[in-house]
Amino acid sequence: MVDIARVVGFGVCGVFTVVLGLVHFAMPWLLDFDGAIPTDGEPLRPLRLLVVSYQTKRSDVRGIAQIMNHAVSYVLVTIGVLDLLVSQWLGAWFAPYLLVWIAVWWFLRAATQRHMGSRPGDWLVAAGFTAIGVFHLAFGVIVWP
């Protein structure tokens, strides 16, 4: 039963996560970052870090959104590939640590879904990401090896 859950679960999680990661690379275009974060408008308040002050521009905000989006896309694709190749590393000493790290990443992603809103779809997305996290946590803490 555990072998079936491993093969099917990691297979489904892996394919879903790779596809999600690839779609995420297009999110700046799909979500119209350029329209949502215009380059013209009122000046933004400066970023203040202790004794340093940096005059933030709208292009900085758009840039950080792009950077963060692509970084998340890369992590998603990497996690998906790791899931698809789980049979190659599940027996390794680092497997439970990696699985817990992946689980925590999914829990963080689920928790931050609230920034998108509280529509029924947002709750469904958060629940789905939580379920993926629980699956990885179960293998990392209960099932391994």
Protein backbone atom coordinates (compact mmCIF):
# COMPACT_ATOMS: atom_id res chain seq x y z
CA MET A 1 0.00 0.00 0.00
CA VAL A 2 2.83 2.41 0.89
CA ASP A 3 4.55 1.64 -2.44
CA ILE A 4 1.38 2.44 -4.38
CA ALA A 5 0.92 5.68 -2.42
CA ARG A 6 4.56 6.55 -3.07
CA VAL A 7 4.45 5.90 -6.81
CA VAL A 8 1.06 7.49 -7.44
CA GLY A 9 1.42 10.31 -4.90
CA PHE A 10 4.87 11.46 -5.93
CA GLY A 11 3.97 10.99 -9.60
CA VAL A 12 0.87 13.18 -9.32
CA CYS A 13 2.67 15.75 -7.15
CA GLY A 14 5.64 15.79 -9.51
CA VAL A 15 3.69 16.27 -12.71
CA PHE A 16 1.41 18.90 -11.11
CA THR A 17 4.36 20.81 -9.67
CA VAL A 18 6.41 20.82 -12.87
CA VAL A 19 3.40 22.04 -14.86
CA LEU A 20 2.60 24.67 -12.22
CA GLY A 21 6.23 25.83 -12.26
CA LEU A 22 6.27 26.14 -16.04
CA VAL A 23 2.97 28.08 -16.01
CA HIS A 24 4.38 30.33 -13.28
CA PHE A 25 7.12 31.51 -15.65
CA ALA A 26 4.32 33.09 -17.70
CA MET A 27 2.51 34.67 -14.71
CA PRO A 28 3.94 38.18 -15.27
CA TRP A 29 2.31 38.13 -18.70
CA LEU A 30 -0.83 36.24 -17.65
CA LEU A 31 -1.46 38.56 -14.68
CA ASP A 32 -0.45 41.68 -16.62
CA PHE A 33 2.28 42.84 -14.26
CA ASP A 34 3.00 45.79 -16.58
CA GLY A 35 -0.59 46.99 -16.36
CA ALA A 36 -0.87 46.29 -12.65
CA ILE A 37 2.37 48.09 -11.77
CA PRO A 38 2.54 51.17 -13.98
CA THR A 39 5.81 53.01 -14.46
CA ASP A 40 4.13 56.41 -14.22
CA GLY A 41 2.50 57.77 -11.11
CA GLU A 42 3.13 59.31 -7.73
CA PRO A 43 6.58 58.70 -6.22
CA LEU A 44 6.80 55.77 -3.83
CA ARG A 45 8.03 56.14 -0.28
CA PRO A 46 11.73 55.36 0.11
CA LEU A 47 12.94 52.04 1.39
CA ARG A 48 14.62 52.64 4.75
CA LEU A 49 16.99 50.06 6.22
CA LEU A 50 18.61 51.29 9.42
CA VAL A 51 20.79 54.19 8.24
CA VAL A 52 20.37 53.55 4.51
CA SER A 53 17.59 55.12 2.47
CA TYR A 54 16.85 54.08 -1.10
CA GLN A 55 14.37 55.93 -3.30
CA THR A 56 12.18 53.13 -4.63
CA LYS A 57 10.90 53.43 -8.18
CA ARG A 58 7.90 51.67 -9.70
CA SER A 59 10.32 49.76 -11.92
CA ASP A 60 11.93 48.40 -8.72
CA VAL A 61 8.56 47.05 -7.56
CA ARG A 62 7.88 45.50 -10.96
CA GLY A 63 11.39 44.08 -11.04
CA ILE A 64 11.14 42.47 -7.60
CA ALA A 65 7.78 40.95 -8.57
CA GLN A 66 9.41 39.47 -11.69
CA ILE A 67 12.42 38.21 -9.74
CA MET A 68 10.31 36.60 -7.03
CA ASN A 69 7.98 35.04 -9.59
CA HIS A 70 10.82 33.47 -11.54
CA ALA A 71 12.55 32.28 -8.36
CA VAL A 72 9.33 30.55 -7.27
CA SER A 73 8.95 29.08 -10.76
CA TYR A 74 12.44 27.61 -10.54
CA VAL A 75 11.78 26.11 -7.10
CA LEU A 76 8.47 24.62 -8.27
CA VAL A 77 10.07 22.94 -11.28
CA THR A 78 12.91 21.66 -9.09
CA ILE A 79 10.52 20.21 -6.48
CA GLY A 80 8.48 18.61 -9.26
CA VAL A 81 11.54 16.98 -10.79
CA LEU A 82 12.64 15.77 -7.33
CA ASP A 83 9.20 14.22 -6.83
CA LEU A 84 9.37 12.49 -10.20
CA LEU A 85 12.84 11.13 -9.36
CA VAL A 86 11.98 10.19 -5.75
CA SER A 87 12.86 6.52 -6.24
CA GLN A 88 16.47 7.60 -6.86
CA TRP A 89 16.89 9.41 -3.52
CA LEU A 90 14.15 8.31 -1.10
CA GLY A 91 16.46 5.84 0.64
CA ALA A 92 19.26 8.37 1.14
CA TRP A 93 20.16 9.76 4.56
CA PHE A 94 19.02 13.26 3.56
CA ALA A 95 15.58 12.16 2.30
CA PRO A 96 13.58 12.97 5.45
CA TYR A 97 15.19 16.40 5.71
CA LEU A 98 14.47 17.18 2.07
CA LEU A 99 10.89 15.93 2.38
CA VAL A 100 10.27 18.07 5.45
CA TRP A 101 11.80 21.08 3.69
CA ILE A 102 9.50 20.49 0.70
CA ALA A 103 6.51 20.08 3.04
CA VAL A 104 7.29 23.35 4.82
CA TRP A 105 7.65 25.09 1.46
CA TRP A 106 4.15 23.90 0.48
CA PHE A 107 2.74 24.95 3.87
CA LEU A 108 4.26 28.40 3.40
CA ARG A 109 2.78 28.59 -0.09
CA ALA A 110 -0.65 27.51 1.23
CA ALA A 111 -0.55 30.05 4.07
CA THR A 112 0.33 32.90 1.74
CA GLN A 113 -2.59 32.14 -0.57
CA ARG A 114 -4.64 34.47 1.64
CA HIS A 115 -2.82 37.38 0.00
CA MET A 116 -4.75 36.52 -3.16
CA GLY A 117 -8.06 36.88 -1.33
CA SER A 118 -10.62 34.74 0.44
CA ARG A 119 -12.71 33.55 -2.47
CA PRO A 120 -13.75 29.87 -2.48
CA GLY A 121 -11.07 29.19 -5.09
CA ASP A 122 -8.41 30.68 -2.83
CA TRP A 123 -9.44 28.36 -0.01
CA LEU A 124 -9.42 25.41 -2.42
CA VAL A 125 -5.93 26.28 -3.64
CA ALA A 126 -4.69 26.65 -0.05
CA ALA A 127 -6.23 23.29 0.87
CA GLY A 128 -4.63 21.61 -2.14
CA PHE A 129 -1.20 23.01 -1.36
CA THR A 130 -1.63 21.99 2.28
CA ALA A 131 -2.48 18.45 1.16
CA ILE A 132 0.71 18.30 -0.93
CA GLY A 133 2.65 19.47 2.13
CA VAL A 134 1.00 16.85 4.35
CA PHE A 135 1.85 14.15 1.80
CA HIS A 136 5.53 15.12 1.81
CA LEU A 137 5.60 15.51 5.58
CA ALA A 138 4.06 12.06 6.05
CA PHE A 139 6.75 10.47 3.91
CA GLY A 140 9.50 12.46 5.59
CA VAL A 141 8.44 11.82 9.18
CA ILE A 142 6.29 8.68 9.24
CA VAL A 143 7.06 6.50 6.25
CA TRP A 144 10.76 7.09 5.60
CA PRO A 145 12.44 4.81 4.64
